[in-house]
PDB file of N, CA and C in Angstrom:
ATOM      1  N   ASN A   1     -16.356  10.315  22.772  1.00  0.00           N
ATOM      2  CA  ASN A   1     -15.009  10.374  22.227  1.00  0.00           C
ATOM      3  C   ASN A   1     -15.008  10.008  20.738  1.00  0.00           C
ATOM      4  N   GLN A   2     -15.864   9.093  20.330  1.00  0.00           N
ATOM      5  CA  GLN A   2     -15.919   8.716  18.922  1.00  0.00           C
ATOM      6  C   GLN A   2     -16.415   9.865  18.054  1.00  0.00           C
ATOM      7  N   LEU A   3     -17.335  10.655  18.580  1.00  0.00           N
ATOM      8  CA  LEU A   3     -17.832  11.791  17.807  1.00  0.00           C
ATOM      9  C   LEU A   3     -16.745  12.837  17.587  1.00  0.00           C
ATOM     10  N   LYS A   4     -15.838  12.976  18.532  1.00  0.00           N
ATOM     11  CA  LYS A   4     -14.746  13.941  18.391  1.00  0.00           C
ATOM     12  C   LYS A   4     -13.820  13.577  17.238  1.00  0.00           C
ATOM     13  N   THR A   5     -13.644  12.290  16.990  1.00  0.00           N
ATOM     14  CA  THR A   5     -12.727  11.862  15.935  1.00  0.00           C
ATOM     15  C   THR A   5     -13.410  11.708  14.576  1.00  0.00           C
ATOM     16  N   TYR A   6     -14.712  11.884  14.530  1.00  0.00           N
ATOM     17  CA  TYR A   6     -15.455  11.694  13.277  1.00  0.00           C
ATOM     18  C   TYR A   6     -14.894  12.518  12.113  1.00  0.00           C
ATOM     19  N   PRO A   7     -14.611  13.813  12.289  1.00  0.00           N
ATOM     20  CA  PRO A   7     -14.067  14.579  11.158  1.00  0.00           C
ATOM     21  C   PRO A   7     -12.738  14.008  10.641  1.00  0.00           C
ATOM     22  N   GLN A   8     -11.862  13.566  11.535  1.00  0.00           N
ATOM     23  CA  GLN A   8     -10.584  12.992  11.120  1.00  0.00           C
ATOM     24  C   GLN A   8     -10.786  11.669  10.381  1.00  0.00           C
ATOM     25  N   VAL A   9     -11.726  10.862  10.862  1.00  0.00           N
ATOM     26  CA  VAL A   9     -12.016   9.581  10.210  1.00  0.00           C
ATOM     27  C   VAL A   9     -12.563   9.824   8.808  1.00  0.00           C
ATOM     28  N   MET A  10     -13.455  10.778   8.662  1.00  0.00           N
ATOM     29  CA  MET A  10     -14.025  11.091   7.350  1.00  0.00           C
ATOM     30  C   MET A  10     -12.949  11.616   6.398  1.00  0.00           C
ATOM     31  N   GLU A  11     -12.077  12.469   6.895  1.00  0.00           N
ATOM     32  CA  GLU A  11     -10.995  13.002   6.064  1.00  0.00           C
ATOM     33  C   GLU A  11     -10.065  11.886   5.606  1.00  0.00           C
ATOM     34  N   TYR A  12      -9.736  10.969   6.503  1.00  0.00           N
ATOM     35  CA  TYR A  12      -8.873   9.841   6.142  1.00  0.00           C
ATOM     36  C   TYR A  12      -9.580   8.947   5.127  1.00  0.00           C
ATOM     37  N   GLY A  13     -10.883   8.755   5.299  1.00  0.00           N
ATOM     38  CA  GLY A  13     -11.658   7.966   4.338  1.00  0.00           C
ATOM     39  C   GLY A  13     -11.607   8.573   2.939  1.00  0.00           C
ATOM     40  N   LYS A  14     -11.643   9.878   2.845  1.00  0.00           N
ATOM     41  CA  LYS A  14     -11.543  10.562   1.550  1.00  0.00           C
ATOM     42  C   LYS A  14     -10.168  10.316   0.918  1.00  0.00           C
ATOM     43  N   LYS A  15      -9.130  10.339   1.749  1.00  0.00           N
ATOM     44  CA  LYS A  15      -7.774  10.067   1.244  1.00  0.00           C
ATOM     45  C   LYS A  15      -7.660   8.631   0.743  1.00  0.00           C
ATOM     46  N   LEU A  16      -8.242   7.698   1.483  1.00  0.00           N
ATOM     47  CA  LEU A  16      -8.215   6.299   1.051  1.00  0.00           C
ATOM     48  C   LEU A  16      -8.947   6.119  -0.270  1.00  0.00           C
ATOM     49  N   GLU A  17     -10.075   6.769  -0.416  1.00  0.00           N
ATOM     50  CA  GLU A  17     -10.834   6.664  -1.659  1.00  0.00           C
ATOM     51  C   GLU A  17     -10.039   7.239  -2.831  1.00  0.00           C
ATOM     52  N   ALA A  18      -9.359   8.347  -2.616  1.00  0.00           N
ATOM     53  CA  ALA A  18      -8.523   8.931  -3.670  1.00  0.00           C
ATOM     54  C   ALA A  18      -7.389   7.977  -4.049  1.00  0.00           C
ATOM     55  N   LEU A  19      -6.808   7.311  -3.067  1.00  0.00           N
ATOM     56  CA  LEU A  19      -5.738   6.346  -3.325  1.00  0.00           C
ATOM     57  C   LEU A  19      -6.267   5.144  -4.097  1.00  0.00           C
ATOM     58  N   ARG A  20      -7.414   4.633  -3.685  1.00  0.00           N
ATOM     59  CA  ARG A  20      -8.024   3.493  -4.396  1.00  0.00           C
ATOM     60  C   ARG A  20      -8.371   3.861  -5.828  1.00  0.00           C
ATOM     61  N   THR A  21      -8.838   5.065  -6.043  1.00  0.00           N
ATOM     62  CA  THR A  21      -9.178   5.516  -7.390  1.00  0.00           C
ATOM     63  C   THR A  21      -7.925   5.628  -8.256  1.00  0.00           C
ATOM     64  N   LYS A  22      -6.866   6.195  -7.708  1.00  0.00           N
ATOM     65  CA  LYS A  22      -5.628   6.378  -8.467  1.00  0.00           C
ATOM     66  C   LYS A  22      -5.014   5.033  -8.870  1.00  0.00           C
ATOM     67  N   TYR A  23      -5.111   4.026  -8.011  1.00  0.00           N
ATOM     68  CA  TYR A  23      -4.496   2.718  -8.279  1.00  0.00           C
ATOM     69  C   TYR A  23      -5.543   1.668  -8.651  1.00  0.00           C
ATOM     70  N   HIS A  24      -6.622   2.136  -9.266  1.00  0.00           N
ATOM     71  CA  HIS A  24      -7.750   1.302  -9.673  1.00  0.00           C
ATOM     72  C   HIS A  24      -7.328   0.132 -10.556  1.00  0.00           C
ATOM     73  N   ASP A  25      -6.426   0.388 -11.520  1.00  0.00           N
ATOM     74  CA  ASP A  25      -6.015  -0.666 -12.459  1.00  0.00           C
ATOM     75  C   ASP A  25      -5.332  -1.838 -11.752  1.00  0.00           C
ATOM     76  N   PHE A  26      -4.695  -1.571 -10.638  1.00  0.00           N
ATOM     77  CA  PHE A  26      -4.073  -2.644  -9.861  1.00  0.00           C
ATOM     78  C   PHE A  26      -5.073  -3.284  -8.895  1.00  0.00           C
ATOM     79  N   ILE A  27      -5.679  -2.452  -8.065  1.00  0.00           N
ATOM     80  CA  ILE A  27      -6.449  -2.962  -6.923  1.00  0.00           C
ATOM     81  C   ILE A  27      -7.825  -3.483  -7.317  1.00  0.00           C
ATOM     82  N   TRP A  28      -8.554  -2.760  -8.162  1.00  0.00           N
ATOM     83  CA  TRP A  28      -9.917  -3.172  -8.500  1.00  0.00           C
ATOM     84  C   TRP A  28      -9.988  -3.996  -9.771  1.00  0.00           C
ATOM     85  N   GLU A  29      -9.226  -3.601 -10.788  1.00  0.00           N
ATOM     86  CA  GLU A  29      -9.272  -4.299 -12.064  1.00  0.00           C
ATOM     87  C   GLU A  29      -8.172  -5.351 -12.189  1.00  0.00           C
ATOM     88  N   GLY A  30      -7.223  -5.340 -11.269  1.00  0.00           N
ATOM     89  CA  GLY A  30      -6.098  -6.259 -11.334  1.00  0.00           C
ATOM     90  C   GLY A  30      -6.433  -7.648 -10.824  1.00  0.00           C
ATOM     91  N   GLU A  31      -5.451  -8.511 -10.933  1.00  0.00           N
ATOM     92  CA  GLU A  31      -5.582  -9.892 -10.463  1.00  0.00           C
ATOM     93  C   GLU A  31      -5.025 -10.000  -9.050  1.00  0.00           C
ATOM     94  N   PHE A  32      -5.815 -10.550  -8.132  1.00  0.00           N
ATOM     95  CA  PHE A  32      -5.401 -10.755  -6.751  1.00  0.00           C
ATOM     96  C   PHE A  32      -4.503 -11.990  -6.695  1.00  0.00           C
ATOM     97  N   ASN A  33      -3.295 -11.821  -6.140  1.00  0.00           N
ATOM     98  CA  ASN A  33      -2.322 -12.912  -6.065  1.00  0.00           C
ATOM     99  C   ASN A  33      -2.025 -13.354  -4.640  1.00  0.00           C
ATOM    100  N   ASP A  34      -2.868 -12.961  -3.688  1.00  0.00           N
ATOM    101  CA  ASP A  34      -2.619 -13.241  -2.274  1.00  0.00           C
ATOM    102  C   ASP A  34      -1.266 -12.622  -1.912  1.00  0.00           C
ATOM    103  N   THR A  35      -0.319 -13.414  -1.424  1.00  0.00           N
ATOM    104  CA  THR A  35       1.005 -12.872  -1.094  1.00  0.00           C
ATOM    105  C   THR A  35       2.067 -13.332  -2.096  1.00  0.00           C
ATOM    106  N   LYS A  36       1.647 -13.926  -3.186  1.00  0.00           N
ATOM    107  CA  LYS A  36       2.589 -14.443  -4.183  1.00  0.00           C
ATOM    108  C   LYS A  36       3.090 -13.321  -5.096  1.00  0.00           C
ATOM    109  N   GLY A  37       4.399 -13.310  -5.310  1.00  0.00           N
ATOM    110  CA  GLY A  37       4.981 -12.349  -6.227  1.00  0.00           C
ATOM    111  C   GLY A  37       5.765 -11.248  -5.561  1.00  0.00           C
ATOM    112  N   ALA A  38       5.775 -11.230  -4.227  1.00  0.00           N
ATOM    113  CA  ALA A  38       6.531 -10.208  -3.499  1.00  0.00           C
ATOM    114  C   ALA A  38       6.972 -10.768  -2.149  1.00  0.00           C
ATOM    115  N   LYS A  39       8.024 -10.174  -1.627  1.00  0.00           N
ATOM    116  CA  LYS A  39       8.490 -10.511  -0.283  1.00  0.00           C
ATOM    117  C   LYS A  39       8.350  -9.256   0.568  1.00  0.00           C
ATOM    118  N   VAL A  40       7.612  -9.385   1.669  1.00  0.00           N
ATOM    119  CA  VAL A  40       7.396  -8.260   2.567  1.00  0.00           C
ATOM    120  C   VAL A  40       7.751  -8.718   3.976  1.00  0.00           C
ATOM    121  N   GLU A  41       8.683  -8.006   4.602  1.00  0.00           N
ATOM    122  CA  GLU A  41       9.090  -8.316   5.968  1.00  0.00           C
ATOM    123  C   GLU A  41       8.719  -7.153   6.873  1.00  0.00           C
ATOM    124  N   GLY A  42       8.127  -7.476   8.018  1.00  0.00           N
ATOM    125  CA  GLY A  42       7.746  -6.461   8.988  1.00  0.00           C
ATOM    126  C   GLY A  42       6.857  -7.088  10.045  1.00  0.00           C
ATOM    127  N   SER A  43       6.575  -6.349  11.098  1.00  0.00           N
ATOM    128  CA  SER A  43       5.719  -6.882  12.164  1.00  0.00           C
ATOM    129  C   SER A  43       4.379  -6.169  12.159  1.00  0.00           C
ATOM    130  N   ASN A  44       3.361  -6.872  12.615  1.00  0.00           N
ATOM    131  CA  ASN A  44       1.985  -6.339  12.694  1.00  0.00           C
ATOM    132  C   ASN A  44       1.456  -5.881  11.341  1.00  0.00           C
ATOM    133  N   ILE A  45       1.773  -6.638  10.294  1.00  0.00           N
ATOM    134  CA  ILE A  45       1.331  -6.245   8.954  1.00  0.00           C
ATOM    135  C   ILE A  45       0.515  -7.346   8.295  1.00  0.00           C
ATOM    136  N   ASP A  46      -0.286  -6.939   7.344  1.00  0.00           N
ATOM    137  CA  ASP A  46      -0.918  -7.819   6.364  1.00  0.00           C
ATOM    138  C   ASP A  46      -0.598  -7.206   5.014  1.00  0.00           C
ATOM    139  N   TYR A  47      -0.489  -8.056   3.999  1.00  0.00           N
ATOM    140  CA  TYR A  47      -0.266  -7.518   2.669  1.00  0.00           C
ATOM    141  C   TYR A  47      -0.893  -8.405   1.613  1.00  0.00           C
ATOM    142  N   ALA A  48      -1.118  -7.806   0.462  1.00  0.00           N
ATOM    143  CA  ALA A  48      -1.654  -8.522  -0.693  1.00  0.00           C
ATOM    144  C   ALA A  48      -0.969  -7.993  -1.943  1.00  0.00           C
ATOM    145  N   VAL A  49      -0.776  -8.896  -2.897  1.00  0.00           N
ATOM    146  CA  VAL A  49      -0.127  -8.560  -4.159  1.00  0.00           C
ATOM    147  C   VAL A  49      -1.188  -8.590  -5.262  1.00  0.00           C
ATOM    148  N   TYR A  50      -1.160  -7.583  -6.109  1.00  0.00           N
ATOM    149  CA  TYR A  50      -2.075  -7.480  -7.240  1.00  0.00           C
ATOM    150  C   TYR A  50      -1.261  -7.313  -8.517  1.00  0.00           C
ATOM    151  N   SER A  51      -1.752  -7.857  -9.617  1.00  0.00           N
ATOM    152  CA  SER A  51      -1.120  -7.681 -10.930  1.00  0.00           C
ATOM    153  C   SER A  51      -2.053  -6.908 -11.839  1.00  0.00           C
ATOM    154  N   ASN A  52      -1.500  -5.915 -12.507  1.00  0.00           N
ATOM    155  CA  ASN A  52      -2.246  -5.145 -13.488  1.00  0.00           C
ATOM    156  C   ASN A  52      -2.478  -6.044 -14.699  1.00  0.00           C
ATOM    157  N   LYS A  53      -3.712  -6.274 -15.067  1.00  0.00           N
ATOM    158  CA  LYS A  53      -4.032  -7.189 -16.167  1.00  0.00           C
ATOM    159  C   LYS A  53      -3.538  -6.686 -17.520  1.00  0.00           C
ATOM    160  N   SER A  54      -3.417  -5.382 -17.699  1.00  0.00           N
ATOM    161  CA  SER A  54      -3.020  -4.869 -19.006  1.00  0.00           C
ATOM    162  C   SER A  54      -1.507  -4.907 -19.235  1.00  0.00           C
ATOM    163  N   ASN A  55      -0.705  -4.820 -18.159  1.00  0.00           N
ATOM    164  CA  ASN A  55       0.748  -4.794 -18.372  1.00  0.00           C
ATOM    165  C   ASN A  55       1.533  -5.770 -17.490  1.00  0.00           C
ATOM    166  N   GLY A  56       0.851  -6.481 -16.590  1.00  0.00           N
ATOM    167  CA  GLY A  56       1.505  -7.478 -15.751  1.00  0.00           C
ATOM    168  C   GLY A  56       2.285  -6.927 -14.573  1.00  0.00           C
ATOM    169  N   LYS A  57       2.367  -5.606 -14.444  1.00  0.00           N
ATOM    170  CA  LYS A  57       3.107  -5.027 -13.320  1.00  0.00           C
ATOM    171  C   LYS A  57       2.363  -5.283 -12.016  1.00  0.00           C
ATOM    172  N   LYS A  58       3.126  -5.341 -10.927  1.00  0.00           N
ATOM    173  CA  LYS A  58       2.555  -5.672  -9.625  1.00  0.00           C
ATOM    174  C   LYS A  58       2.455  -4.451  -8.721  1.00  0.00           C
ATOM    175  N   ALA A  59       1.509  -4.545  -7.800  1.00  0.00           N
ATOM    176  CA  ALA A  59       1.384  -3.582  -6.711  1.00  0.00           C
ATOM    177  C   ALA A  59       1.152  -4.373  -5.433  1.00  0.00           C
ATOM    178  N   ILE A  60       1.746  -3.910  -4.353  1.00  0.00           N
ATOM    179  CA  ILE A  60       1.605  -4.564  -3.056  1.00  0.00           C
ATOM    180  C   ILE A  60       0.961  -3.564  -2.101  1.00  0.00           C
ATOM    181  N   VAL A  61      -0.158  -3.952  -1.524  1.00  0.00           N
ATOM    182  CA  VAL A  61      -0.824  -3.132  -0.513  1.00  0.00           C
ATOM    183  C   VAL A  61      -0.428  -3.703   0.837  1.00  0.00           C
ATOM    184  N   ILE A  62       0.180  -2.869   1.684  1.00  0.00           N
ATOM    185  CA  ILE A  62       0.674  -3.309   2.985  1.00  0.00           C
ATOM    186  C   ILE A  62      -0.002  -2.484   4.068  1.00  0.00           C
ATOM    187  N   VAL A  63      -0.595  -3.173   5.040  1.00  0.00           N
ATOM    188  CA  VAL A  63      -1.352  -2.527   6.113  1.00  0.00           C
ATOM    189  C   VAL A  63      -0.646  -2.749   7.444  1.00  0.00           C
ATOM    190  N   ASN A  64      -0.489  -1.685   8.204  1.00  0.00           N
ATOM    191  CA  ASN A  64       0.000  -1.786   9.574  1.00  0.00           C
ATOM    192  C   ASN A  64      -1.219  -1.974  10.471  1.00  0.00           C
ATOM    193  N   LYS A  65      -1.317  -3.122  11.125  1.00  0.00           N
ATOM    194  CA  LYS A  65      -2.483  -3.447  11.952  1.00  0.00           C
ATOM    195  C   LYS A  65      -2.396  -2.888  13.371  1.00  0.00           C
ATOM    196  N   SER A  66      -1.259  -2.336  13.745  1.00  0.00           N
ATOM    197  CA  SER A  66      -1.089  -1.810  15.105  1.00  0.00           C
ATOM    198  C   SER A  66      -1.905  -0.535  15.299  1.00  0.00           C
ATOM    199  N   TYR A  67      -2.503  -0.416  16.461  1.00  0.00           N
ATOM    200  CA  TYR A  67      -3.285   0.778  16.794  1.00  0.00           C
ATOM    201  C   TYR A  67      -2.407   1.961  17.191  1.00  0.00           C
ATOM    202  N   ASP A  68      -1.184   1.686  17.671  1.00  0.00           N
ATOM    203  CA  ASP A  68      -0.401   2.771  18.241  1.00  0.00           C
ATOM    204  C   ASP A  68       1.090   2.755  17.924  1.00  0.00           C
ATOM    205  N   THR A  69       1.540   1.823  17.079  1.00  0.00           N
ATOM    206  CA  THR A  69       2.968   1.707  16.810  1.00  0.00           C
ATOM    207  C   THR A  69       3.253   1.723  15.312  1.00  0.00           C
ATOM    208  N   GLU A  70       4.181   2.593  14.909  1.00  0.00           N
ATOM    209  CA  GLU A  70       4.651   2.553  13.532  1.00  0.00           C
ATOM    210  C   GLU A  70       5.373   1.239  13.303  1.00  0.00           C
ATOM    211  N   THR A  71       5.426   0.807  12.059  1.00  0.00           N
ATOM    212  CA  THR A  71       6.167  -0.409  11.745  1.00  0.00           C
ATOM    213  C   THR A  71       7.044  -0.169  10.522  1.00  0.00           C
ATOM    214  N   SER A  72       8.171  -0.837  10.513  1.00  0.00           N
ATOM    215  CA  SER A  72       9.095  -0.758   9.395  1.00  0.00           C
ATOM    216  C   SER A  72       8.917  -1.996   8.524  1.00  0.00           C
ATOM    217  N   VAL A  73       8.912  -1.796   7.212  1.00  0.00           N
ATOM    218  CA  VAL A  73       8.787  -2.922   6.285  1.00  0.00           C
ATOM    219  C   VAL A  73       9.902  -2.861   5.244  1.00  0.00           C
ATOM    220  N   ASN A  74      10.298  -4.047   4.806  1.00  0.00           N
ATOM    221  CA  ASN A  74      11.209  -4.206   3.682  1.00  0.00           C
ATOM    222  C   ASN A  74      10.441  -4.951   2.609  1.00  0.00           C
ATOM    223  N   VAL A  75      10.515  -4.450   1.373  1.00  0.00           N
ATOM    224  CA  VAL A  75       9.686  -4.989   0.293  1.00  0.00           C
ATOM    225  C   VAL A  75      10.533  -5.222  -0.955  1.00  0.00           C
ATOM    226  N   SER A  76      10.299  -6.367  -1.598  1.00  0.00           N
ATOM    227  CA  SER A  76      10.886  -6.623  -2.910  1.00  0.00           C
ATOM    228  C   SER A  76       9.859  -7.368  -3.752  1.00  0.00           C
ATOM    229  N   VAL A  77       9.938  -7.168  -5.060  1.00  0.00           N
ATOM    230  CA  VAL A  77       9.040  -7.831  -5.999  1.00  0.00           C
ATOM    231  C   VAL A  77       9.824  -8.943  -6.676  1.00  0.00           C
ATOM    232  N   ASP A  78       9.267 -10.149  -6.652  1.00  0.00           N
ATOM    233  CA  ASP A  78       9.926 -11.304  -7.252  1.00  0.00           C
ATOM    234  C   ASP A  78      10.129 -11.102  -8.752  1.00  0.00           C
ATOM    235  N   ASN A  79      11.309 -11.487  -9.236  1.00  0.00           N
ATOM    236  CA  ASN A  79      11.619 -11.512 -10.673  1.00  0.00           C
ATOM    237  C   ASN A  79      11.310 -10.197 -11.385  1.00  0.00           C
ATOM    238  N   SER A  80      11.654  -9.093 -10.765  1.00  0.00           N
ATOM    239  CA  SER A  80      11.380  -7.790 -11.376  1.00  0.00           C
ATOM    240  C   SER A  80      12.632  -6.935 -11.388  1.00  0.00           C
ATOM    241  N   GLU A  81      12.862  -6.277 -12.507  1.00  0.00           N
ATOM    242  CA  GLU A  81      13.944  -5.300 -12.640  1.00  0.00           C
ATOM    243  C   GLU A  81      13.385  -3.878 -12.667  1.00  0.00           C
ATOM    244  N   ASN A  82      12.061  -3.761 -12.582  1.00  0.00           N
ATOM    245  CA  ASN A  82      11.415  -2.448 -12.645  1.00  0.00           C
ATOM    246  C   ASN A  82      11.691  -1.636 -11.385  1.00  0.00           C
ATOM    247  N   ALA A  83      11.789  -0.331 -11.570  1.00  0.00           N
ATOM    248  CA  ALA A  83      11.870   0.570 -10.420  1.00  0.00           C
ATOM    249  C   ALA A  83      10.554   0.483  -9.651  1.00  0.00           C
ATOM    250  N   LEU A  84      10.619   0.725  -8.350  1.00  0.00           N
ATOM    251  CA  LEU A  84       9.417   0.670  -7.509  1.00  0.00           C
ATOM    252  C   LEU A  84       9.044   2.073  -7.041  1.00  0.00           C
ATOM    253  N   LEU A  85       7.750   2.247  -6.830  1.00  0.00           N
ATOM    254  CA  LEU A  85       7.192   3.505  -6.350  1.00  0.00           C
ATOM    255  C   LEU A  85       6.407   3.254  -5.083  1.00  0.00           C
ATOM    256  N   ILE A  86       6.290   4.272  -4.232  1.00  0.00           N
ATOM    257  CA  ILE A  86       5.527   4.179  -2.988  1.00  0.00           C
ATOM    258  C   ILE A  86       4.484   5.286  -2.947  1.00  0.00           C
ATOM    259  N   ALA A  87       3.297   4.917  -2.461  1.00  0.00           N
ATOM    260  CA  ALA A  87       2.218   5.885  -2.258  1.00  0.00           C
ATOM    261  C   ALA A  87       1.502   5.516  -0.963  1.00  0.00           C
ATOM    262  N   SER A  88       0.788   6.464  -0.406  1.00  0.00           N
ATOM    263  CA  SER A  88       0.036   6.244   0.834  1.00  0.00           C
ATOM    264  C   SER A  88      -1.131   7.222   0.861  1.00  0.00           C
ATOM    265  N   PRO A  89      -2.041   7.059   1.810  1.00  0.00           N
ATOM    266  CA  PRO A  89      -3.131   8.041   1.913  1.00  0.00           C
ATOM    267  C   PRO A  89      -2.604   9.460   2.160  1.00  0.00           C
ATOM    268  N   GLU A  90      -1.473   9.538   2.838  1.00  0.00           N
ATOM    269  CA  GLU A  90      -0.880  10.848   3.129  1.00  0.00           C
ATOM    270  C   GLU A  90      -0.079  11.393   1.946  1.00  0.00           C
ATOM    271  N   GLN A  91       0.376  10.526   1.044  1.00  0.00           N
ATOM    272  CA  GLN A  91       1.192  10.887  -0.124  1.00  0.00           C
ATOM    273  C   GLN A  91       0.675  10.113  -1.330  1.00  0.00           C
ATOM    274  N   ILE A  92      -0.430  10.580  -1.908  1.00  0.00           N
ATOM    275  CA  ILE A  92      -1.113   9.842  -2.970  1.00  0.00           C
ATOM    276  C   ILE A  92      -0.271   9.770  -4.246  1.00  0.00           C
ATOM    277  N   ASP A  93       0.432  10.836  -4.583  1.00  0.00           N
ATOM    278  CA  ASP A  93       1.290  10.802  -5.761  1.00  0.00           C
ATOM    279  C   ASP A  93       2.538   9.988  -5.432  1.00  0.00           C
ATOM    280  N   ALA A  94       2.777   8.954  -6.224  1.00  0.00           N
ATOM    281  CA  ALA A  94       3.877   8.034  -5.956  1.00  0.00           C
ATOM    282  C   ALA A  94       5.228   8.717  -6.095  1.00  0.00           C
ATOM    283  N   LYS A  95       6.150   8.243  -5.285  1.00  0.00           N
ATOM    284  CA  LYS A  95       7.537   8.703  -5.361  1.00  0.00           C
ATOM    285  C   LYS A  95       8.435   7.464  -5.356  1.00  0.00           C
ATOM    286  N   PRO A  96       9.698   7.604  -5.735  1.00  0.00           N
ATOM    287  CA  PRO A  96      10.586   6.439  -5.779  1.00  0.00           C
ATOM    288  C   PRO A  96      10.690   5.742  -4.419  1.00  0.00           C
ATOM    289  N   PHE A  97      10.742   4.426  -4.485  1.00  0.00           N
ATOM    290  CA  PHE A  97      10.804   3.589  -3.281  1.00  0.00           C
ATOM    291  C   PHE A  97      12.161   2.904  -3.236  1.00  0.00           C
ATOM    292  N   ASN A  98      12.813   2.958  -2.071  1.00  0.00           N
ATOM    293  CA  ASN A  98      14.163   2.420  -1.948  1.00  0.00           C
ATOM    294  C   ASN A  98      14.234   1.031  -1.317  1.00  0.00           C
ATOM    295  N   GLY A  99      13.088   0.396  -1.060  1.00  0.00           N
ATOM    296  CA  GLY A  99      13.084  -0.950  -0.505  1.00  0.00           C
ATOM    297  C   GLY A  99      12.602  -1.055   0.922  1.00  0.00           C
ATOM    298  N   SER A 100      12.576   0.053   1.651  1.00  0.00           N
ATOM    299  CA  SER A 100      12.058   0.012   3.022  1.00  0.00           C
ATOM    300  C   SER A 100      11.242   1.268   3.308  1.00  0.00           C
ATOM    301  N   ALA A 101      10.303   1.124   4.238  1.00  0.00           N
ATOM    302  CA  ALA A 101       9.425   2.246   4.579  1.00  0.00           C
ATOM    303  C   ALA A 101       8.897   2.071   5.988  1.00  0.00           C
ATOM    304  N   ILE A 102       8.432   3.162   6.543  1.00  0.00           N
ATOM    305  CA  ILE A 102       7.744   3.181   7.837  1.00  0.00           C
ATOM    306  C   ILE A 102       6.262   3.391   7.550  1.00  0.00           C
ATOM    307  N   ILE A 103       5.410   2.566   8.181  1.00  0.00           N
ATOM    308  CA  ILE A 103       3.961   2.715   8.018  1.00  0.00           C
ATOM    309  C   ILE A 103       3.380   3.164   9.354  1.00  0.00           C
ATOM    310  N   LYS A 104       2.601   4.221   9.307  1.00  0.00           N
ATOM    311  CA  LYS A 104       1.956   4.747  10.506  1.00  0.00           C
ATOM    312  C   LYS A 104       0.946   3.742  11.048  1.00  0.00           C
ATOM    313  N   PRO A 105       0.598   3.843  12.338  1.00  0.00           N
ATOM    314  CA  PRO A 105      -0.404   2.932  12.921  1.00  0.00           C
ATOM    315  C   PRO A 105      -1.726   2.988  12.143  1.00  0.00           C
ATOM    316  N   LEU A 106      -2.326   1.826  11.927  1.00  0.00           N
ATOM    317  CA  LEU A 106      -3.608   1.693  11.232  1.00  0.00           C
ATOM    318  C   LEU A 106      -3.621   2.399   9.882  1.00  0.00           C
ATOM    319  N   SER A 107      -2.492   2.384   9.215  1.00  0.00           N
ATOM    320  CA  SER A 107      -2.412   2.985   7.896  1.00  0.00           C
ATOM    321  C   SER A 107      -1.885   1.965   6.910  1.00  0.00           C
ATOM    322  N   LEU A 108      -1.639   2.417   5.689  1.00  0.00           N
ATOM    323  CA  LEU A 108      -1.177   1.502   4.641  1.00  0.00           C
ATOM    324  C   LEU A 108      -0.283   2.225   3.673  1.00  0.00           C
ATOM    325  N   ILE A 109       0.440   1.426   2.882  1.00  0.00           N
ATOM    326  CA  ILE A 109       1.196   1.937   1.756  1.00  0.00           C
ATOM    327  C   ILE A 109       0.925   1.044   0.556  1.00  0.00           C
ATOM    328  N   ILE A 110       1.161   1.597  -0.617  1.00  0.00           N
ATOM    329  CA  ILE A 110       1.105   0.814  -1.851  1.00  0.00           C
ATOM    330  C   ILE A 110       2.466   0.931  -2.517  1.00  0.00           C
ATOM    331  N   ILE A 111       3.072  -0.210  -2.771  1.00  0.00           N
ATOM    332  CA  ILE A 111       4.331  -0.267  -3.523  1.00  0.00           C
ATOM    333  C   ILE A 111       3.958  -0.794  -4.906  1.00  0.00           C
ATOM    334  N   SER A 112       4.352  -0.081  -5.951  1.00  0.00           N
ATOM    335  CA  SER A 112       4.006  -0.508  -7.302  1.00  0.00           C
ATOM    336  C   SER A 112       5.226  -0.452  -8.208  1.00  0.00           C
ATOM    337  N   GLU A 113       5.174  -1.297  -9.240  1.00  0.00           N
ATOM    338  CA  GLU A 113       6.228  -1.271 -10.253  1.00  0.00           C
ATOM    339  C   GLU A 113       5.988  -0.092 -11.188  1.00  0.00           C
ATOM    340  N   LYS A 114       7.059   0.589 -11.545  1.00  0.00           N
ATOM    341  CA  LYS A 114       6.956   1.747 -12.441  1.00  0.00           C
ATOM    342  C   LYS A 114       6.788   1.273 -13.866  1.00  0.00           C
TER     343      LYS A 114
END
């Protein structure tokens, strides 16, 4: 059964790599803030906040840990008036974020300041 899903796993891995590359300045070159700087509400989630070292803007990576259930999250960035954007492995190009989102099972989203 694991061999049957191998192509899908590899394709998803490629999407994740593209997402990590696009948000490199936040995730790889940024400052890790643990959960400080944002408020994230939802069930079966983990999240981390990163700050872009060059401009101070934040990005929040939120993971749905459930194997089979979508989860709803509400997100806000502390002390920020900036518009927020949302991206995911399925939607790498960011679009405006309205404060809440649904995350697919075993997937993630990135909320970033514009």
